[in-house]
Structure formats: structure tokens, C-alpha cells
Amino acid sequence: MAIQALQDAVKELKVQIREMDGKRQELSVRIAKTESSVKSAHKRIDDLQKEMMP
């Protein structure tokens, strides 16, 4: 009975790990998109600053 409980716990942990890995991958994609957007915004800000400075 104890062995069965351990097997069930291991199966449940495996499911949780897969879910967490999927969420981590989604966050990695979101972070990459955000970094790209921030880089683009910084470039536009720099360009505006150059235009405003004589």
C-alpha cells in the first residue's frame, strides 16, 4: 500500500513538472517578445532625442 502511494505521488509530481515546464516555456517566449519591444521603444526614444537636440 505504501509503495502504491509513492507511485501515485511520483505520477502526480511528473504531471506537475510537465505543467510547470510548459508555463516556463510560455514565459520565456513572452519575455523575449517584451525584450524586443523594449529595445524597439528605446531606439525610438533615442531617435526622438536626437531630433529634439540641435
PDB file of N, CA and C in Angstrom:
ATOM      1  N   MET A   1       0.821  -1.196   0.000  1.00  0.00           N
ATOM      2  CA  MET A   1       0.000   0.000   0.000  1.00  0.00           C
ATOM      3  C   MET A   1       0.870   1.268   0.000  1.00  0.00           C
ATOM      4  N   ALA A   2       1.939   1.266   0.768  1.00  0.00           N
ATOM      5  CA  ALA A   2       2.836   2.420   0.816  1.00  0.00           C
ATOM      6  C   ALA A   2       3.519   2.620  -0.531  1.00  0.00           C
ATOM      7  N   ILE A   3       3.878   1.527  -1.181  1.00  0.00           N
ATOM      8  CA  ILE A   3       4.537   1.620  -2.490  1.00  0.00           C
ATOM      9  C   ILE A   3       3.579   2.221  -3.510  1.00  0.00           C
ATOM     10  N   GLN A   4       2.330   1.814  -3.454  1.00  0.00           N
ATOM     11  CA  GLN A   4       1.322   2.359  -4.372  1.00  0.00           C
ATOM     12  C   GLN A   4       1.143   3.858  -4.141  1.00  0.00           C
ATOM     13  N   ALA A   5       1.153   4.275  -2.890  1.00  0.00           N
ATOM     14  CA  ALA A   5       1.017   5.696  -2.567  1.00  0.00           C
ATOM     15  C   ALA A   5       2.203   6.479  -3.121  1.00  0.00           C
ATOM     16  N   LEU A   6       3.395   5.908  -3.010  1.00  0.00           N
ATOM     17  CA  LEU A   6       4.580   6.565  -3.562  1.00  0.00           C
ATOM     18  C   LEU A   6       4.506   6.654  -5.079  1.00  0.00           C
ATOM     19  N   GLN A   7       4.048   5.600  -5.721  1.00  0.00           N
ATOM     20  CA  GLN A   7       3.914   5.610  -7.174  1.00  0.00           C
ATOM     21  C   GLN A   7       2.921   6.688  -7.614  1.00  0.00           C
ATOM     22  N   ASP A   8       1.810   6.790  -6.899  1.00  0.00           N
ATOM     23  CA  ASP A   8       0.814   7.807  -7.216  1.00  0.00           C
ATOM     24  C   ASP A   8       1.389   9.212  -7.032  1.00  0.00           C
ATOM     25  N   ALA A   9       2.150   9.390  -5.958  1.00  0.00           N
ATOM     26  CA  ALA A   9       2.759  10.695  -5.694  1.00  0.00           C
ATOM     27  C   ALA A   9       3.757  11.047  -6.790  1.00  0.00           C
ATOM     28  N   VAL A  10       4.535  10.081  -7.241  1.00  0.00           N
ATOM     29  CA  VAL A  10       5.513  10.315  -8.306  1.00  0.00           C
ATOM     30  C   VAL A  10       4.791  10.680  -9.602  1.00  0.00           C
ATOM     31  N   LYS A  11       3.713   9.977  -9.919  1.00  0.00           N
ATOM     32  CA  LYS A  11       2.946  10.294 -11.130  1.00  0.00           C
ATOM     33  C   LYS A  11       2.401  11.717 -11.064  1.00  0.00           C
ATOM     34  N   GLU A  12       1.879  12.090  -9.914  1.00  0.00           N
ATOM     35  CA  GLU A  12       1.327  13.434  -9.744  1.00  0.00           C
ATOM     36  C   GLU A  12       2.427  14.488  -9.881  1.00  0.00           C
ATOM     37  N   LEU A  13       3.589  14.213  -9.338  1.00  0.00           N
ATOM     38  CA  LEU A  13       4.714  15.142  -9.462  1.00  0.00           C
ATOM     39  C   LEU A  13       5.159  15.286 -10.910  1.00  0.00           C
ATOM     40  N   LYS A  14       5.157  14.201 -11.646  1.00  0.00           N
ATOM     41  CA  LYS A  14       5.532  14.258 -13.059  1.00  0.00           C
ATOM     42  C   LYS A  14       4.574  15.146 -13.839  1.00  0.00           C
ATOM     43  N   VAL A  15       3.290  15.036 -13.549  1.00  0.00           N
ATOM     44  CA  VAL A  15       2.295  15.875 -14.216  1.00  0.00           C
ATOM     45  C   VAL A  15       2.541  17.335 -13.873  1.00  0.00           C
ATOM     46  N   GLN A  16       2.777  17.619 -12.613  1.00  0.00           N
ATOM     47  CA  GLN A  16       3.025  18.986 -12.186  1.00  0.00           C
ATOM     48  C   GLN A  16       4.286  19.556 -12.834  1.00  0.00           C
ATOM     49  N   ILE A  17       5.319  18.739 -12.948  1.00  0.00           N
ATOM     50  CA  ILE A  17       6.575  19.184 -13.570  1.00  0.00           C
ATOM     51  C   ILE A  17       6.337  19.515 -15.040  1.00  0.00           C
ATOM     52  N   ARG A  18       5.564  18.690 -15.747  1.00  0.00           N
ATOM     53  CA  ARG A  18       5.261  18.960 -17.159  1.00  0.00           C
ATOM     54  C   ARG A  18       4.500  20.281 -17.297  1.00  0.00           C
ATOM     55  N   GLU A  19       3.529  20.491 -16.410  1.00  0.00           N
ATOM     56  CA  GLU A  19       2.755  21.736 -16.454  1.00  0.00           C
ATOM     57  C   GLU A  19       3.652  22.939 -16.188  1.00  0.00           C
ATOM     58  N   MET A  20       4.519  22.824 -15.201  1.00  0.00           N
ATOM     59  CA  MET A  20       5.422  23.923 -14.867  1.00  0.00           C
ATOM     60  C   MET A  20       6.388  24.198 -16.021  1.00  0.00           C
ATOM     61  N   ASP A  21       6.854  23.156 -16.682  1.00  0.00           N
ATOM     62  CA  ASP A  21       7.764  23.331 -17.803  1.00  0.00           C
ATOM     63  C   ASP A  21       7.061  24.060 -18.952  1.00  0.00           C
ATOM     64  N   GLY A  22       5.820  23.701 -19.193  1.00  0.00           N
ATOM     65  CA  GLY A  22       5.050  24.382 -20.232  1.00  0.00           C
ATOM     66  C   GLY A  22       4.871  25.858 -19.909  1.00  0.00           C
ATOM     67  N   LYS A  23       4.561  26.156 -18.663  1.00  0.00           N
ATOM     68  CA  LYS A  23       4.406  27.553 -18.250  1.00  0.00           C
ATOM     69  C   LYS A  23       5.727  28.306 -18.356  1.00  0.00           C
ATOM     70  N   ARG A  24       6.820  27.644 -18.022  1.00  0.00           N
ATOM     71  CA  ARG A  24       8.140  28.271 -18.115  1.00  0.00           C
ATOM     72  C   ARG A  24       8.460  28.611 -19.563  1.00  0.00           C
ATOM     73  N   GLN A  25       8.141  27.702 -20.459  1.00  0.00           N
ATOM     74  CA  GLN A  25       8.391  27.950 -21.874  1.00  0.00           C
ATOM     75  C   GLN A  25       7.551  29.120 -22.377  1.00  0.00           C
ATOM     76  N   GLU A  26       6.292  29.186 -21.941  1.00  0.00           N
ATOM     77  CA  GLU A  26       5.432  30.298 -22.336  1.00  0.00           C
ATOM     78  C   GLU A  26       6.005  31.622 -21.825  1.00  0.00           C
ATOM     79  N   LEU A  27       6.479  31.622 -20.600  1.00  0.00           N
ATOM     80  CA  LEU A  27       7.059  32.840 -20.034  1.00  0.00           C
ATOM     81  C   LEU A  27       8.331  33.237 -20.775  1.00  0.00           C
ATOM     82  N   SER A  28       9.114  32.265 -21.185  1.00  0.00           N
ATOM     83  CA  SER A  28      10.332  32.570 -21.943  1.00  0.00           C
ATOM     84  C   SER A  28       9.991  33.278 -23.250  1.00  0.00           C
ATOM     85  N   VAL A  29       8.952  32.822 -23.919  1.00  0.00           N
ATOM     86  CA  VAL A  29       8.528  33.449 -25.165  1.00  0.00           C
ATOM     87  C   VAL A  29       8.042  34.868 -24.891  1.00  0.00           C
ATOM     88  N   ARG A  30       7.240  35.031 -23.845  1.00  0.00           N
ATOM     89  CA  ARG A  30       6.724  36.364 -23.503  1.00  0.00           C
ATOM     90  C   ARG A  30       7.855  37.321 -23.148  1.00  0.00           C
ATOM     91  N   ILE A  31       8.836  36.835 -22.420  1.00  0.00           N
ATOM     92  CA  ILE A  31       9.970  37.684 -22.041  1.00  0.00           C
ATOM     93  C   ILE A  31      10.747  38.110 -23.278  1.00  0.00           C
ATOM     94  N   ALA A  32      10.968  37.183 -24.196  1.00  0.00           N
ATOM     95  CA  ALA A  32      11.695  37.512 -25.427  1.00  0.00           C
ATOM     96  C   ALA A  32      10.946  38.577 -26.225  1.00  0.00           C
ATOM     97  N   LYS A  33       9.623  38.451 -26.320  1.00  0.00           N
ATOM     98  CA  LYS A  33       8.830  39.445 -27.037  1.00  0.00           C
ATOM     99  C   LYS A  33       8.904  40.798 -26.333  1.00  0.00           C
ATOM    100  N   THR A  34       8.840  40.778 -25.023  1.00  0.00           N
ATOM    101  CA  THR A  34       8.899  42.017 -24.245  1.00  0.00           C
ATOM    102  C   THR A  34      10.249  42.691 -24.408  1.00  0.00           C
ATOM    103  N   GLU A  35      11.319  41.908 -24.359  1.00  0.00           N
ATOM    104  CA  GLU A  35      12.661  42.478 -24.540  1.00  0.00           C
ATOM    105  C   GLU A  35      12.789  43.118 -25.915  1.00  0.00           C
ATOM    106  N   SER A  36      12.255  42.469 -26.921  1.00  0.00           N
ATOM    107  CA  SER A  36      12.316  43.016 -28.268  1.00  0.00           C
ATOM    108  C   SER A  36      11.536  44.327 -28.357  1.00  0.00           C
ATOM    109  N   SER A  37      10.382  44.351 -27.740  1.00  0.00           N
ATOM    110  CA  SER A  37       9.555  45.553 -27.747  1.00  0.00           C
ATOM    111  C   SER A  37      10.243  46.700 -27.016  1.00  0.00           C
ATOM    112  N   VAL A  38      10.858  46.397 -25.900  1.00  0.00           N
ATOM    113  CA  VAL A  38      11.563  47.424 -25.124  1.00  0.00           C
ATOM    114  C   VAL A  38      12.742  47.964 -25.928  1.00  0.00           C
ATOM    115  N   LYS A  39      13.461  47.078 -26.587  1.00  0.00           N
ATOM    116  CA  LYS A  39      14.596  47.509 -27.400  1.00  0.00           C
ATOM    117  C   LYS A  39      14.127  48.456 -28.502  1.00  0.00           C
ATOM    118  N   SER A  40      13.020  48.122 -29.132  1.00  0.00           N
ATOM    119  CA  SER A  40      12.466  48.966 -30.185  1.00  0.00           C
ATOM    120  C   SER A  40      12.031  50.321 -29.622  1.00  0.00           C
ATOM    121  N   ALA A  41      11.398  50.306 -28.468  1.00  0.00           N
ATOM    122  CA  ALA A  41      10.960  51.558 -27.846  1.00  0.00           C
ATOM    123  C   ALA A  41      12.157  52.435 -27.490  1.00  0.00           C
ATOM    124  N   HIS A  42      13.205  51.844 -26.987  1.00  0.00           N
ATOM    125  CA  HIS A  42      14.413  52.607 -26.650  1.00  0.00           C
ATOM    126  C   HIS A  42      15.013  53.249 -27.903  1.00  0.00           C
ATOM    127  N   LYS A  43      14.998  52.508 -28.988  1.00  0.00           N
ATOM    128  CA  LYS A  43      15.535  53.067 -30.239  1.00  0.00           C
ATOM    129  C   LYS A  43      14.702  54.265 -30.680  1.00  0.00           C
ATOM    130  N   ARG A  44      13.381  54.135 -30.606  1.00  0.00           N
ATOM    131  CA  ARG A  44      12.515  55.257 -30.995  1.00  0.00           C
ATOM    132  C   ARG A  44      12.737  56.458 -30.084  1.00  0.00           C
ATOM    133  N   ILE A  45      12.903  56.220 -28.805  1.00  0.00           N
ATOM    134  CA  ILE A  45      13.161  57.311 -27.858  1.00  0.00           C
ATOM    135  C   ILE A  45      14.484  57.984 -28.183  1.00  0.00           C
ATOM    136  N   ASP A  46      15.511  57.181 -28.449  1.00  0.00           N
ATOM    137  CA  ASP A  46      16.808  57.751 -28.818  1.00  0.00           C
ATOM    138  C   ASP A  46      16.701  58.595 -30.076  1.00  0.00           C
ATOM    139  N   ASP A  47      15.944  58.092 -31.066  1.00  0.00           N
ATOM    140  CA  ASP A  47      15.769  58.849 -32.312  1.00  0.00           C
ATOM    141  C   ASP A  47      15.052  60.174 -32.042  1.00  0.00           C
ATOM    142  N   LEU A  48      14.044  60.155 -31.192  1.00  0.00           N
ATOM    143  CA  LEU A  48      13.330  61.396 -30.855  1.00  0.00           C
ATOM    144  C   LEU A  48      14.230  62.379 -30.138  1.00  0.00           C
ATOM    145  N   GLN A  49      15.074  61.864 -29.259  1.00  0.00           N
ATOM    146  CA  GLN A  49      16.001  62.736 -28.540  1.00  0.00           C
ATOM    147  C   GLN A  49      16.966  63.413 -29.519  1.00  0.00           C
ATOM    148  N   LYS A  50      17.439  62.643 -30.490  1.00  0.00           N
ATOM    149  CA  LYS A  50      18.361  63.200 -31.488  1.00  0.00           C
ATOM    150  C   LYS A  50      17.698  64.306 -32.298  1.00  0.00           C
ATOM    151  N   GLU A  51      16.412  64.108 -32.626  1.00  0.00           N
ATOM    152  CA  GLU A  51      15.676  65.098 -33.395  1.00  0.00           C
ATOM    153  C   GLU A  51      15.452  66.372 -32.582  1.00  0.00           C
ATOM    154  N   MET A  52      15.292  66.237 -31.286  1.00  0.00           N
ATOM    155  CA  MET A  52      14.999  67.389 -30.443  1.00  0.00           C
ATOM    156  C   MET A  52      16.262  68.190 -30.076  1.00  0.00           C
ATOM    157  N   MET A  53      17.392  67.526 -30.097  1.00  0.00           N
ATOM    158  CA  MET A  53      18.640  68.191 -29.765  1.00  0.00           C
ATOM    159  C   MET A  53      19.222  68.854 -31.004  1.00  0.00           C
ATOM    160  N   PRO A  54      19.655  70.111 -30.880  1.00  0.00           N
ATOM    161  CA  PRO A  54      20.236  70.798 -32.049  1.00  0.00           C
ATOM    162  C   PRO A  54      21.591  70.255 -32.425  1.00  0.00           C
TER     163      PRO A  54
END
